[in-house]
N, C-alpha and C. Protein backbone atom coordinates (compact mmCIF):
# COMPACT_ATOMS: atom_id res chain seq x y z
N MET A 1 -7.85 50.53 -23.56
CA MET A 1 -8.34 49.72 -24.64
C MET A 1 -9.43 48.80 -24.10
N ALA A 2 -10.62 48.81 -24.70
CA ALA A 2 -11.74 47.98 -24.24
C ALA A 2 -11.45 46.52 -24.54
N GLY A 3 -11.75 45.66 -23.57
CA GLY A 3 -11.59 44.22 -23.76
C GLY A 3 -10.17 43.72 -23.55
N SER A 4 -9.25 44.59 -23.16
CA SER A 4 -7.89 44.12 -22.94
C SER A 4 -7.81 43.38 -21.62
N ARG A 5 -6.92 42.41 -21.57
CA ARG A 5 -6.78 41.59 -20.38
C ARG A 5 -5.37 41.72 -19.83
N VAL A 6 -5.27 41.48 -18.53
CA VAL A 6 -3.97 41.43 -17.88
C VAL A 6 -3.34 40.10 -18.25
N ALA A 7 -2.02 40.06 -18.39
CA ALA A 7 -1.32 38.82 -18.73
C ALA A 7 -1.66 37.74 -17.72
N GLY A 8 -1.99 36.55 -18.20
CA GLY A 8 -2.31 35.42 -17.32
C GLY A 8 -3.77 35.34 -16.92
N GLU A 9 -4.56 36.35 -17.22
CA GLU A 9 -5.98 36.34 -16.87
C GLU A 9 -6.75 35.58 -17.95
N ARG A 10 -7.58 34.66 -17.53
CA ARG A 10 -8.37 33.87 -18.48
C ARG A 10 -9.57 34.66 -18.96
N PRO A 11 -9.98 34.42 -20.19
CA PRO A 11 -11.19 35.09 -20.66
C PRO A 11 -12.40 34.56 -19.88
N ARG A 12 -13.33 35.45 -19.59
CA ARG A 12 -14.53 35.09 -18.84
C ARG A 12 -15.60 34.61 -19.81
N PRO A 13 -16.19 33.42 -19.52
CA PRO A 13 -17.28 32.96 -20.38
C PRO A 13 -18.42 33.98 -20.38
N PHE A 14 -19.01 34.16 -21.52
CA PHE A 14 -20.07 35.15 -21.68
C PHE A 14 -21.23 34.87 -20.73
N GLY A 15 -21.68 35.89 -20.03
CA GLY A 15 -22.87 35.79 -19.19
C GLY A 15 -22.59 35.36 -17.75
N LEU A 16 -21.37 34.98 -17.42
CA LEU A 16 -21.08 34.59 -16.04
C LEU A 16 -20.55 35.79 -15.26
N PRO A 17 -21.04 35.98 -14.04
CA PRO A 17 -20.57 37.10 -13.25
C PRO A 17 -19.15 36.85 -12.73
N ILE A 18 -18.47 37.91 -12.42
CA ILE A 18 -17.13 37.81 -11.83
C ILE A 18 -17.29 37.86 -10.33
N LEU A 19 -16.66 36.93 -9.63
CA LEU A 19 -16.69 36.92 -8.17
C LEU A 19 -15.33 37.40 -7.68
N ARG A 20 -15.36 38.46 -6.96
CA ARG A 20 -14.12 38.98 -6.38
C ARG A 20 -14.24 38.80 -4.87
N ALA A 21 -13.23 38.18 -4.29
CA ALA A 21 -13.28 37.90 -2.87
C ALA A 21 -11.94 38.25 -2.23
N ASP A 22 -12.03 38.88 -1.07
CA ASP A 22 -10.80 39.18 -0.35
C ASP A 22 -10.39 37.97 0.49
N ASP A 23 -9.24 38.05 1.10
CA ASP A 23 -8.71 36.92 1.88
C ASP A 23 -9.61 36.53 3.05
N ARG A 24 -10.24 37.51 3.70
CA ARG A 24 -11.14 37.21 4.82
C ARG A 24 -12.32 36.38 4.37
N PHE A 25 -12.89 36.74 3.21
CA PHE A 25 -14.03 35.98 2.68
C PHE A 25 -13.61 34.55 2.36
N VAL A 26 -12.49 34.40 1.68
CA VAL A 26 -12.01 33.06 1.30
C VAL A 26 -11.74 32.22 2.54
N GLU A 27 -11.13 32.81 3.55
CA GLU A 27 -10.86 32.07 4.78
C GLU A 27 -12.15 31.67 5.50
N ALA A 28 -13.12 32.58 5.56
CA ALA A 28 -14.41 32.27 6.20
C ALA A 28 -15.13 31.17 5.43
N LEU A 29 -15.09 31.23 4.11
CA LEU A 29 -15.71 30.19 3.29
C LEU A 29 -15.04 28.85 3.52
N ALA A 30 -13.71 28.83 3.54
CA ALA A 30 -12.98 27.59 3.76
C ALA A 30 -13.29 27.00 5.14
N GLU A 31 -13.40 27.85 6.15
CA GLU A 31 -13.72 27.39 7.50
C GLU A 31 -15.13 26.79 7.55
N THR A 32 -16.07 27.44 6.91
CA THR A 32 -17.45 26.94 6.87
C THR A 32 -17.52 25.59 6.17
N VAL A 33 -16.85 25.48 5.03
CA VAL A 33 -16.84 24.21 4.29
C VAL A 33 -16.18 23.12 5.13
N ALA A 34 -15.07 23.44 5.79
CA ALA A 34 -14.38 22.45 6.62
C ALA A 34 -15.28 21.97 7.75
N GLU A 35 -16.02 22.85 8.38
CA GLU A 35 -16.95 22.47 9.46
C GLU A 35 -18.04 21.55 8.93
N GLN A 36 -18.57 21.87 7.76
CA GLN A 36 -19.63 21.03 7.18
C GLN A 36 -19.10 19.65 6.81
N VAL A 37 -17.91 19.59 6.26
CA VAL A 37 -17.31 18.29 5.92
C VAL A 37 -17.07 17.48 7.20
N ALA A 38 -16.55 18.12 8.23
CA ALA A 38 -16.32 17.42 9.50
C ALA A 38 -17.63 16.89 10.08
N ASP A 39 -18.70 17.69 10.01
CA ASP A 39 -20.01 17.24 10.50
C ASP A 39 -20.48 16.01 9.73
N ARG A 40 -20.33 16.02 8.42
CA ARG A 40 -20.76 14.87 7.61
C ARG A 40 -19.93 13.63 7.92
N ILE A 41 -18.65 13.81 8.16
CA ILE A 41 -17.80 12.66 8.51
C ILE A 41 -18.24 12.09 9.86
N ARG A 42 -18.51 12.98 10.83
CA ARG A 42 -18.98 12.50 12.14
C ARG A 42 -20.32 11.78 12.02
N GLU A 43 -21.23 12.30 11.20
CA GLU A 43 -22.53 11.64 10.99
C GLU A 43 -22.34 10.27 10.37
N GLY A 44 -21.45 10.17 9.40
CA GLY A 44 -21.17 8.88 8.77
C GLY A 44 -20.57 7.89 9.75
N ALA A 45 -19.69 8.36 10.62
CA ALA A 45 -19.08 7.49 11.62
C ALA A 45 -20.13 7.01 12.62
N ALA A 46 -21.05 7.91 13.00
CA ALA A 46 -22.10 7.52 13.93
C ALA A 46 -23.00 6.46 13.31
N GLU A 47 -23.32 6.62 12.02
CA GLU A 47 -24.13 5.61 11.35
C GLU A 47 -23.39 4.28 11.28
N ALA A 48 -22.10 4.33 11.02
CA ALA A 48 -21.30 3.11 10.90
C ALA A 48 -21.21 2.36 12.22
N GLU A 49 -21.40 3.06 13.34
CA GLU A 49 -21.30 2.42 14.65
C GLU A 49 -22.63 1.85 15.12
N GLY A 50 -23.70 2.11 14.41
CA GLY A 50 -25.02 1.67 14.86
C GLY A 50 -25.29 0.21 14.54
N TYR A 51 -26.49 -0.21 14.86
CA TYR A 51 -26.92 -1.58 14.62
C TYR A 51 -27.75 -1.66 13.34
N LEU A 52 -27.69 -2.81 12.70
CA LEU A 52 -28.48 -3.07 11.51
C LEU A 52 -29.48 -4.17 11.80
N ASN A 53 -30.72 -3.99 11.34
CA ASN A 53 -31.71 -5.06 11.45
C ASN A 53 -31.40 -6.08 10.35
N PRO A 54 -32.09 -7.23 10.34
CA PRO A 54 -31.76 -8.25 9.34
C PRO A 54 -31.84 -7.78 7.89
N GLU A 55 -32.81 -6.93 7.57
CA GLU A 55 -32.93 -6.43 6.20
C GLU A 55 -31.73 -5.57 5.81
N ALA A 56 -31.35 -4.66 6.71
CA ALA A 56 -30.19 -3.80 6.44
C ALA A 56 -28.89 -4.61 6.44
N ALA A 57 -28.80 -5.58 7.33
CA ALA A 57 -27.62 -6.45 7.37
C ALA A 57 -27.49 -7.23 6.07
N ALA A 58 -28.61 -7.70 5.56
CA ALA A 58 -28.61 -8.44 4.30
C ALA A 58 -28.13 -7.55 3.15
N ARG A 59 -28.63 -6.33 3.11
CA ARG A 59 -28.16 -5.39 2.07
C ARG A 59 -26.67 -5.12 2.21
N TYR A 60 -26.22 -4.98 3.45
CA TYR A 60 -24.82 -4.65 3.72
C TYR A 60 -23.87 -5.71 3.17
N ILE A 61 -24.24 -7.00 3.30
CA ILE A 61 -23.35 -8.06 2.80
C ILE A 61 -23.88 -8.69 1.51
N SER A 62 -24.87 -8.06 0.91
CA SER A 62 -25.40 -8.47 -0.40
C SER A 62 -25.95 -9.90 -0.42
N VAL A 63 -26.77 -10.19 0.56
CA VAL A 63 -27.48 -11.47 0.59
C VAL A 63 -28.95 -11.17 0.88
N SER A 64 -29.77 -12.22 0.87
CA SER A 64 -31.19 -12.01 1.18
C SER A 64 -31.40 -11.96 2.70
N ARG A 65 -32.52 -11.40 3.10
CA ARG A 65 -32.85 -11.38 4.52
C ARG A 65 -33.01 -12.81 5.02
N LYS A 66 -33.55 -13.68 4.18
CA LYS A 66 -33.71 -15.08 4.55
C LYS A 66 -32.36 -15.70 4.88
N ARG A 67 -31.33 -15.34 4.10
CA ARG A 67 -29.99 -15.88 4.34
C ARG A 67 -29.45 -15.43 5.70
N ILE A 68 -29.74 -14.20 6.09
CA ILE A 68 -29.32 -13.72 7.41
C ILE A 68 -29.95 -14.59 8.50
N TYR A 69 -31.25 -14.87 8.35
CA TYR A 69 -31.93 -15.71 9.34
C TYR A 69 -31.38 -17.14 9.33
N GLU A 70 -31.07 -17.66 8.15
CA GLU A 70 -30.48 -19.00 8.07
C GLU A 70 -29.13 -19.06 8.78
N LEU A 71 -28.30 -18.06 8.54
CA LEU A 71 -26.98 -18.02 9.19
C LEU A 71 -27.10 -17.88 10.69
N THR A 72 -28.06 -17.08 11.13
CA THR A 72 -28.28 -16.90 12.57
C THR A 72 -28.78 -18.20 13.20
N SER A 73 -29.73 -18.86 12.55
CA SER A 73 -30.27 -20.13 13.07
C SER A 73 -29.20 -21.21 13.14
N ALA A 74 -28.30 -21.21 12.15
CA ALA A 74 -27.24 -22.22 12.10
C ALA A 74 -26.10 -21.90 13.06
N GLY A 75 -26.14 -20.74 13.70
CA GLY A 75 -25.09 -20.37 14.63
C GLY A 75 -23.83 -19.84 13.94
N ARG A 76 -23.91 -19.57 12.66
CA ARG A 76 -22.74 -19.08 11.93
C ARG A 76 -22.61 -17.56 11.99
N LEU A 77 -23.70 -16.89 12.35
CA LEU A 77 -23.70 -15.44 12.48
C LEU A 77 -24.49 -15.10 13.73
N ALA A 78 -23.78 -14.59 14.74
CA ALA A 78 -24.44 -14.28 16.00
C ALA A 78 -24.81 -12.80 16.06
N PRO A 79 -26.07 -12.50 16.40
CA PRO A 79 -26.47 -11.10 16.53
C PRO A 79 -25.71 -10.43 17.67
N ASP A 80 -25.53 -9.13 17.56
CA ASP A 80 -24.86 -8.36 18.62
C ASP A 80 -25.86 -7.85 19.66
N GLY A 81 -27.13 -8.03 19.39
CA GLY A 81 -28.16 -7.59 20.31
C GLY A 81 -29.52 -7.88 19.70
N HIS A 82 -30.54 -7.48 20.42
CA HIS A 82 -31.92 -7.69 19.96
C HIS A 82 -32.76 -6.47 20.31
N ASP A 83 -33.74 -6.21 19.49
CA ASP A 83 -34.77 -5.24 19.79
C ASP A 83 -36.05 -6.06 19.84
N GLY A 84 -36.42 -6.47 21.04
CA GLY A 84 -37.51 -7.43 21.16
C GLY A 84 -37.05 -8.75 20.58
N ARG A 85 -37.74 -9.22 19.52
CA ARG A 85 -37.35 -10.47 18.87
C ARG A 85 -36.47 -10.24 17.65
N THR A 86 -36.26 -8.99 17.29
CA THR A 86 -35.49 -8.68 16.09
C THR A 86 -33.99 -8.70 16.38
N PRO A 87 -33.25 -9.57 15.71
CA PRO A 87 -31.79 -9.58 15.91
C PRO A 87 -31.16 -8.33 15.28
N LEU A 88 -30.15 -7.82 15.93
CA LEU A 88 -29.45 -6.63 15.45
C LEU A 88 -27.96 -6.95 15.29
N PHE A 89 -27.36 -6.40 14.25
CA PHE A 89 -25.97 -6.71 13.92
C PHE A 89 -25.16 -5.44 13.76
N ARG A 90 -23.91 -5.49 14.20
CA ARG A 90 -22.97 -4.40 13.94
C ARG A 90 -22.27 -4.70 12.63
N ARG A 91 -21.85 -3.65 11.94
CA ARG A 91 -21.15 -3.83 10.66
C ARG A 91 -19.88 -4.66 10.84
N GLN A 92 -19.16 -4.45 11.94
CA GLN A 92 -17.92 -5.20 12.17
C GLN A 92 -18.20 -6.70 12.26
N THR A 93 -19.30 -7.08 12.88
CA THR A 93 -19.68 -8.49 12.97
C THR A 93 -19.91 -9.06 11.58
N LEU A 94 -20.61 -8.30 10.76
CA LEU A 94 -20.88 -8.75 9.39
C LEU A 94 -19.61 -8.80 8.56
N ASP A 95 -18.73 -7.81 8.74
CA ASP A 95 -17.44 -7.82 8.04
C ASP A 95 -16.63 -9.06 8.43
N ASP A 96 -16.60 -9.35 9.72
CA ASP A 96 -15.87 -10.53 10.20
C ASP A 96 -16.44 -11.81 9.61
N TYR A 97 -17.77 -11.91 9.57
CA TYR A 97 -18.40 -13.11 9.00
C TYR A 97 -17.98 -13.28 7.54
N VAL A 98 -18.09 -12.21 6.76
CA VAL A 98 -17.77 -12.29 5.33
C VAL A 98 -16.30 -12.67 5.14
N THR A 99 -15.42 -12.10 5.93
CA THR A 99 -13.99 -12.38 5.81
C THR A 99 -13.67 -13.83 6.14
N LYS A 100 -14.31 -14.37 7.18
CA LYS A 100 -14.00 -15.72 7.64
C LYS A 100 -14.82 -16.79 6.94
N ALA A 101 -15.98 -16.46 6.42
CA ALA A 101 -16.90 -17.45 5.85
C ALA A 101 -16.34 -18.12 4.62
N GLY A 102 -15.67 -17.36 3.76
CA GLY A 102 -15.19 -17.91 2.51
C GLY A 102 -14.01 -18.85 2.68
N GLY A 103 -13.23 -18.66 3.71
CA GLY A 103 -12.07 -19.51 3.93
C GLY A 103 -10.99 -19.30 2.88
N GLY A 104 -11.06 -18.23 2.15
CA GLY A 104 -10.03 -17.95 1.14
C GLY A 104 -10.67 -17.57 -0.16
N PRO A 105 -9.83 -17.32 -1.18
CA PRO A 105 -10.37 -16.90 -2.47
C PRO A 105 -11.13 -18.01 -3.17
N CYS A 106 -12.14 -17.61 -3.95
CA CYS A 106 -12.94 -18.59 -4.71
C CYS A 106 -12.12 -19.15 -5.85
N ARG A 107 -12.33 -20.42 -6.13
CA ARG A 107 -11.62 -21.06 -7.25
C ARG A 107 -12.58 -21.76 -8.14
């Protein structure tokens, strides 16, 4: 009978091709996707470990670049290093500043 379906089989939307894959294909696809996800996670971790210049640091904690310089000049935020005269900050340093700066919840 034309158009008959096996029990439990969903109707195919008109115009979409049917993809049939054996277990080897599915496993190879899953392995490839897992490798790509792992690579992206490693890239993200590497970026998270790097240094931020004042502009990037300001974006990271949602303040102006001027505020970063003010905090640095006041000794409230110490750079983790320098590139020439440019102060550089690690994300953990900025996280620590934000956590400790407020002294508790706003009221």
